[in-house]
């Protein structure tokens, strides 16, 4: 597995741009399971709109799998939902 981009000492940001980056990465297939796990598993207190997006992503867990390189993959239905969430974030930027 390749974990070179993951840094456990660099906390995940809690701004809209950080969530956009995470969603773009997951849709591009460039995010590994640790990055995605940090996003979906850690509540985003103080940012209710971003917390709702995090929860929506967390709800897609049943439709995800991991490849041999540790990247998270989603079903087509889940990818469509992730794209919808990303489009909504970009629209409200």
PDB file of N, CA and C in Angstrom:
ATOM      1  N   UNK A   1       0.836  -1.188   0.000  1.00  0.00           N
ATOM      2  CA  UNK A   1       0.000   0.000   0.000  1.00  0.00           C
ATOM      3  C   UNK A   1       0.875   1.243   0.000  1.00  0.00           C
ATOM      4  N   UNK A   2       0.366   2.300  -0.607  1.00  0.00           N
ATOM      5  CA  UNK A   2       1.093   3.559  -0.673  1.00  0.00           C
ATOM      6  C   UNK A   2       0.442   4.560   0.290  1.00  0.00           C
ATOM      7  N   UNK A   3       1.201   5.030   1.263  1.00  0.00           N
ATOM      8  CA  UNK A   3       0.669   5.989   2.235  1.00  0.00           C
ATOM      9  C   UNK A   3       1.475   7.284   2.238  1.00  0.00           C
ATOM     10  N   UNK A   4       2.229   7.534   1.206  1.00  0.00           N
ATOM     11  CA  UNK A   4       3.181   8.643   1.218  1.00  0.00           C
ATOM     12  C   UNK A   4       2.549  10.014   1.432  1.00  0.00           C
ATOM     13  N   UNK A   5       1.319  10.212   0.990  1.00  0.00           N
ATOM     14  CA  UNK A   5       0.709  11.543   1.112  1.00  0.00           C
ATOM     15  C   UNK A   5       0.059  11.761   2.474  1.00  0.00           C
ATOM     16  N   UNK A   6      -0.152  10.694   3.221  1.00  0.00           N
ATOM     17  CA  UNK A   6      -0.853  10.813   4.484  1.00  0.00           C
ATOM     18  C   UNK A   6       0.099  11.216   5.591  1.00  0.00           C
ATOM     19  N   UNK A   7      -0.270  12.207   6.351  1.00  0.00           N
ATOM     20  CA  UNK A   7       0.556  12.678   7.456  1.00  0.00           C
ATOM     21  C   UNK A   7      -0.327  12.753   8.697  1.00  0.00           C
ATOM     22  N   UNK A   8      -0.136  11.859   9.670  1.00  0.00           N
ATOM     23  CA  UNK A   8      -1.003  11.843  10.851  1.00  0.00           C
ATOM     24  C   UNK A   8      -0.841  13.077  11.737  1.00  0.00           C
ATOM     25  N   UNK A   9       0.205  13.851  11.516  1.00  0.00           N
ATOM     26  CA  UNK A   9       0.440  15.032  12.338  1.00  0.00           C
ATOM     27  C   UNK A   9      -0.133  16.294  11.709  1.00  0.00           C
ATOM     28  N   UNK A  10      -0.670  16.172  10.512  1.00  0.00           N
ATOM     29  CA  UNK A  10      -1.291  17.303   9.837  1.00  0.00           C
ATOM     30  C   UNK A  10      -2.802  17.129   9.932  1.00  0.00           C
ATOM     31  N   UNK A  11      -3.485  17.862  10.793  1.00  0.00           N
ATOM     32  CA  UNK A  11      -4.932  17.659  10.953  1.00  0.00           C
ATOM     33  C   UNK A  11      -5.706  18.070   9.712  1.00  0.00           C
ATOM     34  N   UNK A  12      -6.823  17.405   9.503  1.00  0.00           N
ATOM     35  CA  UNK A  12      -7.698  17.750   8.389  1.00  0.00           C
ATOM     36  C   UNK A  12      -8.311  19.120   8.636  1.00  0.00           C
ATOM     37  N   UNK A  13      -8.244  19.988   7.646  1.00  0.00           N
ATOM     38  CA  UNK A  13      -8.824  21.321   7.758  1.00  0.00           C
ATOM     39  C   UNK A  13     -10.335  21.272   7.836  1.00  0.00           C
ATOM     40  N   UNK A  14     -10.909  22.312   8.331  1.00  0.00           N
ATOM     41  CA  UNK A  14     -12.357  22.360   8.527  1.00  0.00           C
ATOM     42  C   UNK A  14     -13.009  23.522   7.780  1.00  0.00           C
ATOM     43  N   UNK A  15     -12.422  23.906   6.666  1.00  0.00           N
ATOM     44  CA  UNK A  15     -12.979  24.971   5.839  1.00  0.00           C
ATOM     45  C   UNK A  15     -13.657  24.353   4.617  1.00  0.00           C
ATOM     46  N   UNK A  16     -14.480  25.151   3.959  1.00  0.00           N
ATOM     47  CA  UNK A  16     -15.172  24.678   2.762  1.00  0.00           C
ATOM     48  C   UNK A  16     -14.176  24.203   1.701  1.00  0.00           C
ATOM     49  N   UNK A  17     -13.068  24.925   1.537  1.00  0.00           N
ATOM     50  CA  UNK A  17     -12.063  24.535   0.545  1.00  0.00           C
ATOM     51  C   UNK A  17     -11.469  23.167   0.854  1.00  0.00           C
ATOM     52  N   UNK A  18     -11.327  22.839   2.135  1.00  0.00           N
ATOM     53  CA  UNK A  18     -10.797  21.528   2.521  1.00  0.00           C
ATOM     54  C   UNK A  18     -11.769  20.419   2.137  1.00  0.00           C
ATOM     55  N   UNK A  19     -13.053  20.660   2.343  1.00  0.00           N
ATOM     56  CA  UNK A  19     -14.064  19.655   2.005  1.00  0.00           C
ATOM     57  C   UNK A  19     -14.148  19.499   0.484  1.00  0.00           C
ATOM     58  N   UNK A  20     -14.040  20.596  -0.241  1.00  0.00           N
ATOM     59  CA  UNK A  20     -14.015  20.521  -1.705  1.00  0.00           C
ATOM     60  C   UNK A  20     -12.832  19.666  -2.153  1.00  0.00           C
ATOM     61  N   UNK A  21     -11.664  19.880  -1.564  1.00  0.00           N
ATOM     62  CA  UNK A  21     -10.467  19.116  -1.915  1.00  0.00           C
ATOM     63  C   UNK A  21     -10.668  17.623  -1.642  1.00  0.00           C
ATOM     64  N   UNK A  22     -11.267  17.302  -0.493  1.00  0.00           N
ATOM     65  CA  UNK A  22     -11.523  15.905  -0.144  1.00  0.00           C
ATOM     66  C   UNK A  22     -12.489  15.264  -1.149  1.00  0.00           C
ATOM     67  N   UNK A  23     -13.571  15.951  -1.466  1.00  0.00           N
ATOM     68  CA  UNK A  23     -14.547  15.390  -2.407  1.00  0.00           C
ATOM     69  C   UNK A  23     -13.947  15.252  -3.802  1.00  0.00           C
ATOM     70  N   UNK A  24     -13.163  16.230  -4.234  1.00  0.00           N
ATOM     71  CA  UNK A  24     -12.498  16.122  -5.535  1.00  0.00           C
ATOM     72  C   UNK A  24     -11.543  14.928  -5.542  1.00  0.00           C
ATOM     73  N   UNK A  25     -10.815  14.753  -4.456  1.00  0.00           N
ATOM     74  CA  UNK A  25      -9.870  13.643  -4.362  1.00  0.00           C
ATOM     75  C   UNK A  25     -10.538  12.290  -4.382  1.00  0.00           C
ATOM     76  N   UNK A  26     -11.638  12.162  -3.667  1.00  0.00           N
ATOM     77  CA  UNK A  26     -12.328  10.873  -3.631  1.00  0.00           C
ATOM     78  C   UNK A  26     -12.929  10.548  -4.994  1.00  0.00           C
ATOM     79  N   UNK A  27     -13.447  11.559  -5.685  1.00  0.00           N
ATOM     80  CA  UNK A  27     -14.013  11.330  -7.016  1.00  0.00           C
ATOM     81  C   UNK A  27     -12.928  11.044  -8.048  1.00  0.00           C
ATOM     82  N   UNK A  28     -11.741  11.605  -7.860  1.00  0.00           N
ATOM     83  CA  UNK A  28     -10.625  11.363  -8.783  1.00  0.00           C
ATOM     84  C   UNK A  28      -9.928  10.037  -8.496  1.00  0.00           C
ATOM     85  N   UNK A  29     -10.264   9.418  -7.357  1.00  0.00           N
ATOM     86  CA  UNK A  29      -9.628   8.157  -6.992  1.00  0.00           C
ATOM     87  C   UNK A  29      -8.227   8.328  -6.444  1.00  0.00           C
ATOM     88  N   UNK A  30      -7.913   9.519  -5.962  1.00  0.00           N
ATOM     89  CA  UNK A  30      -6.562   9.787  -5.472  1.00  0.00           C
ATOM     90  C   UNK A  30      -6.476   9.847  -3.952  1.00  0.00           C
ATOM     91  N   UNK A  31      -7.577   9.606  -3.266  1.00  0.00           N
ATOM     92  CA  UNK A  31      -7.597   9.675  -1.807  1.00  0.00           C
ATOM     93  C   UNK A  31      -7.427   8.284  -1.217  1.00  0.00           C
ATOM     94  N   UNK A  32      -6.590   8.175  -0.189  1.00  0.00           N
ATOM     95  CA  UNK A  32      -6.464   6.860   0.434  1.00  0.00           C
ATOM     96  C   UNK A  32      -7.428   6.743   1.606  1.00  0.00           C
ATOM     97  N   UNK A  33      -7.520   5.540   2.154  1.00  0.00           N
ATOM     98  CA  UNK A  33      -8.518   5.262   3.178  1.00  0.00           C
ATOM     99  C   UNK A  33      -8.308   6.074   4.451  1.00  0.00           C
ATOM    100  N   UNK A  34      -7.093   6.426   4.777  1.00  0.00           N
ATOM    101  CA  UNK A  34      -6.865   7.216   6.000  1.00  0.00           C
ATOM    102  C   UNK A  34      -7.367   8.647   5.839  1.00  0.00           C
ATOM    103  N   UNK A  35      -7.107   9.239   4.692  1.00  0.00           N
ATOM    104  CA  UNK A  35      -7.601  10.596   4.451  1.00  0.00           C
ATOM    105  C   UNK A  35      -9.124  10.633   4.473  1.00  0.00           C
ATOM    106  N   UNK A  36      -9.731   9.682   3.797  1.00  0.00           N
ATOM    107  CA  UNK A  36     -11.192   9.621   3.760  1.00  0.00           C
ATOM    108  C   UNK A  36     -11.752   9.330   5.152  1.00  0.00           C
ATOM    109  N   UNK A  37     -11.119   8.399   5.856  1.00  0.00           N
ATOM    110  CA  UNK A  37     -11.556   8.061   7.207  1.00  0.00           C
ATOM    111  C   UNK A  37     -11.484   9.246   8.155  1.00  0.00           C
ATOM    112  N   UNK A  38     -10.425  10.040   8.055  1.00  0.00           N
ATOM    113  CA  UNK A  38     -10.324  11.242   8.887  1.00  0.00           C
ATOM    114  C   UNK A  38     -11.470  12.195   8.612  1.00  0.00           C
ATOM    115  N   UNK A  39     -11.849  12.292   7.356  1.00  0.00           N
ATOM    116  CA  UNK A  39     -12.942  13.196   6.998  1.00  0.00           C
ATOM    117  C   UNK A  39     -14.285  12.684   7.506  1.00  0.00           C
ATOM    118  N   UNK A  40     -14.628  11.440   7.199  1.00  0.00           N
ATOM    119  CA  UNK A  40     -15.974  10.956   7.531  1.00  0.00           C
ATOM    120  C   UNK A  40     -16.145  10.592   8.999  1.00  0.00           C
ATOM    121  N   UNK A  41     -15.059  10.322   9.713  1.00  0.00           N
ATOM    122  CA  UNK A  41     -15.178   9.849  11.095  1.00  0.00           C
ATOM    123  C   UNK A  41     -15.036  10.938  12.160  1.00  0.00           C
ATOM    124  N   UNK A  42     -14.519  12.098  11.799  1.00  0.00           N
ATOM    125  CA  UNK A  42     -14.299  13.160  12.792  1.00  0.00           C
ATOM    126  C   UNK A  42     -15.338  14.255  12.604  1.00  0.00           C
ATOM    127  N   UNK A  43     -16.236  14.438  13.579  1.00  0.00           N
ATOM    128  CA  UNK A  43     -17.279  15.471  13.461  1.00  0.00           C
ATOM    129  C   UNK A  43     -16.687  16.866  13.231  1.00  0.00           C
ATOM    130  N   UNK A  44     -17.424  17.666  12.500  1.00  0.00           N
ATOM    131  CA  UNK A  44     -17.003  19.021  12.155  1.00  0.00           C
ATOM    132  C   UNK A  44     -17.816  20.020  12.978  1.00  0.00           C
ATOM    133  N   UNK A  45     -17.568  20.032  14.261  1.00  0.00           N
ATOM    134  CA  UNK A  45     -18.301  20.913  15.168  1.00  0.00           C
ATOM    135  C   UNK A  45     -18.058  22.376  14.802  1.00  0.00           C
ATOM    136  N   UNK A  46     -19.110  23.152  14.900  1.00  0.00           N
ATOM    137  CA  UNK A  46     -19.014  24.577  14.608  1.00  0.00           C
ATOM    138  C   UNK A  46     -19.241  24.926  13.154  1.00  0.00           C
ATOM    139  N   UNK A  47     -19.397  23.937  12.303  1.00  0.00           N
ATOM    140  CA  UNK A  47     -19.674  24.182  10.882  1.00  0.00           C
ATOM    141  C   UNK A  47     -20.833  23.286  10.453  1.00  0.00           C
ATOM    142  N   UNK A  48     -22.066  23.656  10.827  1.00  0.00           N
ATOM    143  CA  UNK A  48     -23.214  22.763  10.586  1.00  0.00           C
ATOM    144  C   UNK A  48     -23.425  22.392   9.122  1.00  0.00           C
ATOM    145  N   UNK A  49     -23.172  23.308   8.191  1.00  0.00           N
ATOM    146  CA  UNK A  49     -23.359  22.979   6.775  1.00  0.00           C
ATOM    147  C   UNK A  49     -22.345  21.938   6.314  1.00  0.00           C
ATOM    148  N   UNK A  50     -21.104  22.053   6.755  1.00  0.00           N
ATOM    149  CA  UNK A  50     -20.081  21.073   6.393  1.00  0.00           C
ATOM    150  C   UNK A  50     -20.284  19.761   7.143  1.00  0.00           C
ATOM    151  N   UNK A  51     -20.798  19.838   8.351  1.00  0.00           N
ATOM    152  CA  UNK A  51     -21.098  18.628   9.127  1.00  0.00           C
ATOM    153  C   UNK A  51     -22.175  17.799   8.424  1.00  0.00           C
ATOM    154  N   UNK A  52     -23.157  18.465   7.821  1.00  0.00           N
ATOM    155  CA  UNK A  52     -24.198  17.738   7.079  1.00  0.00           C
ATOM    156  C   UNK A  52     -23.601  17.016   5.873  1.00  0.00           C
ATOM    157  N   UNK A  53     -22.646  17.638   5.213  1.00  0.00           N
ATOM    158  CA  UNK A  53     -21.976  16.998   4.076  1.00  0.00           C
ATOM    159  C   UNK A  53     -21.177  15.799   4.566  1.00  0.00           C
ATOM    160  N   UNK A  54     -20.473  15.953   5.680  1.00  0.00           N
ATOM    161  CA  UNK A  54     -19.695  14.854   6.250  1.00  0.00           C
ATOM    162  C   UNK A  54     -20.609  13.677   6.574  1.00  0.00           C
ATOM    163  N   UNK A  55     -21.754  13.956   7.187  1.00  0.00           N
ATOM    164  CA  UNK A  55     -22.701  12.896   7.534  1.00  0.00           C
ATOM    165  C   UNK A  55     -23.256  12.219   6.283  1.00  0.00           C
ATOM    166  N   UNK A  56     -23.515  12.999   5.246  1.00  0.00           N
ATOM    167  CA  UNK A  56     -24.014  12.426   3.993  1.00  0.00           C
ATOM    168  C   UNK A  56     -22.962  11.494   3.384  1.00  0.00           C
ATOM    169  N   UNK A  57     -21.699  11.876   3.475  1.00  0.00           N
ATOM    170  CA  UNK A  57     -20.615  11.023   2.981  1.00  0.00           C
ATOM    171  C   UNK A  57     -20.478   9.774   3.837  1.00  0.00           C
ATOM    172  N   UNK A  58     -20.620   9.928   5.127  1.00  0.00           N
ATOM    173  CA  UNK A  58     -20.527   8.802   6.052  1.00  0.00           C
ATOM    174  C   UNK A  58     -21.646   7.790   5.766  1.00  0.00           C
ATOM    175  N   UNK A  59     -22.806   8.276   5.378  1.00  0.00           N
ATOM    176  CA  UNK A  59     -23.948   7.410   5.096  1.00  0.00           C
ATOM    177  C   UNK A  59     -23.724   6.539   3.852  1.00  0.00           C
ATOM    178  N   UNK A  60     -22.720   6.869   3.051  1.00  0.00           N
ATOM    179  CA  UNK A  60     -22.427   6.100   1.839  1.00  0.00           C
ATOM    180  C   UNK A  60     -21.467   4.931   2.104  1.00  0.00           C
ATOM    181  N   UNK A  61     -21.143   4.699   3.357  1.00  0.00           N
ATOM    182  CA  UNK A  61     -20.147   3.683   3.720  1.00  0.00           C
ATOM    183  C   UNK A  61     -20.448   2.307   3.130  1.00  0.00           C
ATOM    184  N   UNK A  62     -21.706   1.942   3.072  1.00  0.00           N
ATOM    185  CA  UNK A  62     -22.079   0.625   2.543  1.00  0.00           C
ATOM    186  C   UNK A  62     -21.767   0.496   1.053  1.00  0.00           C
ATOM    187  N   UNK A  63     -21.549   1.631   0.396  1.00  0.00           N
ATOM    188  CA  UNK A  63     -21.303   1.625  -1.045  1.00  0.00           C
ATOM    189  C   UNK A  63     -19.851   1.934  -1.384  1.00  0.00           C
ATOM    190  N   UNK A  64     -18.950   1.682  -0.438  1.00  0.00           N
ATOM    191  CA  UNK A  64     -17.541   1.924  -0.716  1.00  0.00           C
ATOM    192  C   UNK A  64     -16.718   0.666  -0.489  1.00  0.00           C
ATOM    193  N   UNK A  65     -15.582   0.631  -1.153  1.00  0.00           N
ATOM    194  CA  UNK A  65     -14.621  -0.460  -0.993  1.00  0.00           C
ATOM    195  C   UNK A  65     -13.226   0.145  -1.093  1.00  0.00           C
ATOM    196  N   UNK A  66     -12.224  -0.681  -0.855  1.00  0.00           N
ATOM    197  CA  UNK A  66     -10.855  -0.199  -0.906  1.00  0.00           C
ATOM    198  C   UNK A  66     -10.077  -1.042  -1.907  1.00  0.00           C
ATOM    199  N   UNK A  67      -9.259  -0.391  -2.738  1.00  0.00           N
ATOM    200  CA  UNK A  67      -8.441  -1.148  -3.680  1.00  0.00           C
ATOM    201  C   UNK A  67      -7.124  -1.551  -3.017  1.00  0.00           C
ATOM    202  N   UNK A  68      -6.270  -2.232  -3.747  1.00  0.00           N
ATOM    203  CA  UNK A  68      -5.016  -2.734  -3.195  1.00  0.00           C
ATOM    204  C   UNK A  68      -4.037  -1.642  -2.789  1.00  0.00           C
ATOM    205  N   UNK A  69      -4.219  -0.435  -3.292  1.00  0.00           N
ATOM    206  CA  UNK A  69      -3.349   0.684  -2.945  1.00  0.00           C
ATOM    207  C   UNK A  69      -3.909   1.521  -1.796  1.00  0.00           C
ATOM    208  N   UNK A  70      -5.004   1.094  -1.209  1.00  0.00           N
ATOM    209  CA  UNK A  70      -5.585   1.810  -0.080  1.00  0.00           C
ATOM    210  C   UNK A  70      -6.478   2.974  -0.470  1.00  0.00           C
ATOM    211  N   UNK A  71      -6.829   3.065  -1.744  1.00  0.00           N
ATOM    212  CA  UNK A  71      -7.740   4.125  -2.178  1.00  0.00           C
ATOM    213  C   UNK A  71      -9.180   3.665  -2.016  1.00  0.00           C
ATOM    214  N   UNK A  72     -10.031   4.606  -1.661  1.00  0.00           N
ATOM    215  CA  UNK A  72     -11.451   4.307  -1.473  1.00  0.00           C
ATOM    216  C   UNK A  72     -12.179   4.442  -2.809  1.00  0.00           C
ATOM    217  N   UNK A  73     -12.992   3.456  -3.111  1.00  0.00           N
ATOM    218  CA  UNK A  73     -13.798   3.438  -4.335  1.00  0.00           C
ATOM    219  C   UNK A  73     -15.267   3.394  -3.941  1.00  0.00           C
ATOM    220  N   UNK A  74     -16.115   4.032  -4.741  1.00  0.00           N
ATOM    221  CA  UNK A  74     -17.552   4.066  -4.485  1.00  0.00           C
ATOM    222  C   UNK A  74     -18.319   3.512  -5.677  1.00  0.00           C
ATOM    223  N   UNK A  75     -19.527   3.047  -5.408  1.00  0.00           N
ATOM    224  CA  UNK A  75     -20.417   2.615  -6.487  1.00  0.00           C
ATOM    225  C   UNK A  75     -20.811   3.836  -7.313  1.00  0.00           C
ATOM    226  N   UNK A  76     -21.380   3.582  -8.471  1.00  0.00           N
ATOM    227  CA  UNK A  76     -21.800   4.693  -9.341  1.00  0.00           C
ATOM    228  C   UNK A  76     -22.858   5.564  -8.656  1.00  0.00           C
ATOM    229  N   UNK A  77     -23.775   4.947  -7.942  1.00  0.00           N
ATOM    230  CA  UNK A  77     -24.797   5.727  -7.243  1.00  0.00           C
ATOM    231  C   UNK A  77     -24.154   6.629  -6.195  1.00  0.00           C
ATOM    232  N   UNK A  78     -23.208   6.093  -5.444  1.00  0.00           N
ATOM    233  CA  UNK A  78     -22.526   6.880  -4.418  1.00  0.00           C
ATOM    234  C   UNK A  78     -21.692   7.986  -5.053  1.00  0.00           C
ATOM    235  N   UNK A  79     -21.040   7.678  -6.176  1.00  0.00           N
ATOM    236  CA  UNK A  79     -20.247   8.702  -6.870  1.00  0.00           C
ATOM    237  C   UNK A  79     -21.151   9.849  -7.340  1.00  0.00           C
ATOM    238  N   UNK A  80     -22.341   9.517  -7.804  1.00  0.00           N
ATOM    239  CA  UNK A  80     -23.279  10.556  -8.232  1.00  0.00           C
ATOM    240  C   UNK A  80     -23.673  11.439  -7.046  1.00  0.00           C
ATOM    241  N   UNK A  81     -23.877  10.834  -5.888  1.00  0.00           N
ATOM    242  CA  UNK A  81     -24.224  11.603  -4.685  1.00  0.00           C
ATOM    243  C   UNK A  81     -23.041  12.479  -4.249  1.00  0.00           C
ATOM    244  N   UNK A  82     -21.835  11.939  -4.290  1.00  0.00           N
ATOM    245  CA  UNK A  82     -20.654  12.728  -3.940  1.00  0.00           C
ATOM    246  C   UNK A  82     -20.484  13.906  -4.897  1.00  0.00           C
ATOM    247  N   UNK A  83     -20.743  13.673  -6.177  1.00  0.00           N
ATOM    248  CA  UNK A  83     -20.648  14.755  -7.154  1.00  0.00           C
ATOM    249  C   UNK A  83     -21.705  15.820  -6.885  1.00  0.00           C
ATOM    250  N   UNK A  84     -22.893  15.388  -6.515  1.00  0.00           N
ATOM    251  CA  UNK A  84     -23.969  16.341  -6.192  1.00  0.00           C
ATOM    252  C   UNK A  84     -23.563  17.209  -4.996  1.00  0.00           C
ATOM    253  N   UNK A  85     -22.970  16.575  -3.978  1.00  0.00           N
ATOM    254  CA  UNK A  85     -22.517  17.324  -2.801  1.00  0.00           C
ATOM    255  C   UNK A  85     -21.422  18.312  -3.184  1.00  0.00           C
ATOM    256  N   UNK A  86     -20.489  17.883  -4.024  1.00  0.00           N
ATOM    257  CA  UNK A  86     -19.402  18.750  -4.463  1.00  0.00           C
ATOM    258  C   UNK A  86     -19.941  19.912  -5.275  1.00  0.00           C
ATOM    259  N   UNK A  87     -20.857  19.641  -6.192  1.00  0.00           N
ATOM    260  CA  UNK A  87     -21.456  20.709  -7.001  1.00  0.00           C
ATOM    261  C   UNK A  87     -22.163  21.736  -6.117  1.00  0.00           C
ATOM    262  N   UNK A  88     -22.862  21.256  -5.081  1.00  0.00           N
ATOM    263  CA  UNK A  88     -23.538  22.165  -4.169  1.00  0.00           C
ATOM    264  C   UNK A  88     -22.565  23.047  -3.418  1.00  0.00           C
ATOM    265  N   UNK A  89     -21.444  22.495  -3.009  1.00  0.00           N
ATOM    266  CA  UNK A  89     -20.427  23.297  -2.325  1.00  0.00           C
ATOM    267  C   UNK A  89     -19.846  24.355  -3.243  1.00  0.00           C
ATOM    268  N   UNK A  90     -19.551  23.965  -4.470  1.00  0.00           N
ATOM    269  CA  UNK A  90     -18.986  24.918  -5.445  1.00  0.00           C
ATOM    270  C   UNK A  90     -19.987  26.017  -5.776  1.00  0.00           C
ATOM    271  N   UNK A  91     -21.259  25.656  -5.871  1.00  0.00           N
ATOM    272  CA  UNK A  91     -22.295  26.623  -6.216  1.00  0.00           C
ATOM    273  C   UNK A  91     -22.438  27.688  -5.122  1.00  0.00           C
ATOM    274  N   UNK A  92     -22.268  27.264  -3.876  1.00  0.00           N
ATOM    275  CA  UNK A  92     -22.416  28.179  -2.750  1.00  0.00           C
ATOM    276  C   UNK A  92     -21.104  28.835  -2.328  1.00  0.00           C
ATOM    277  N   UNK A  93     -20.099  28.764  -3.183  1.00  0.00           N
ATOM    278  CA  UNK A  93     -18.790  29.337  -2.832  1.00  0.00           C
ATOM    279  C   UNK A  93     -18.761  30.840  -2.927  1.00  0.00           C
TER     280      UNK A  93
END
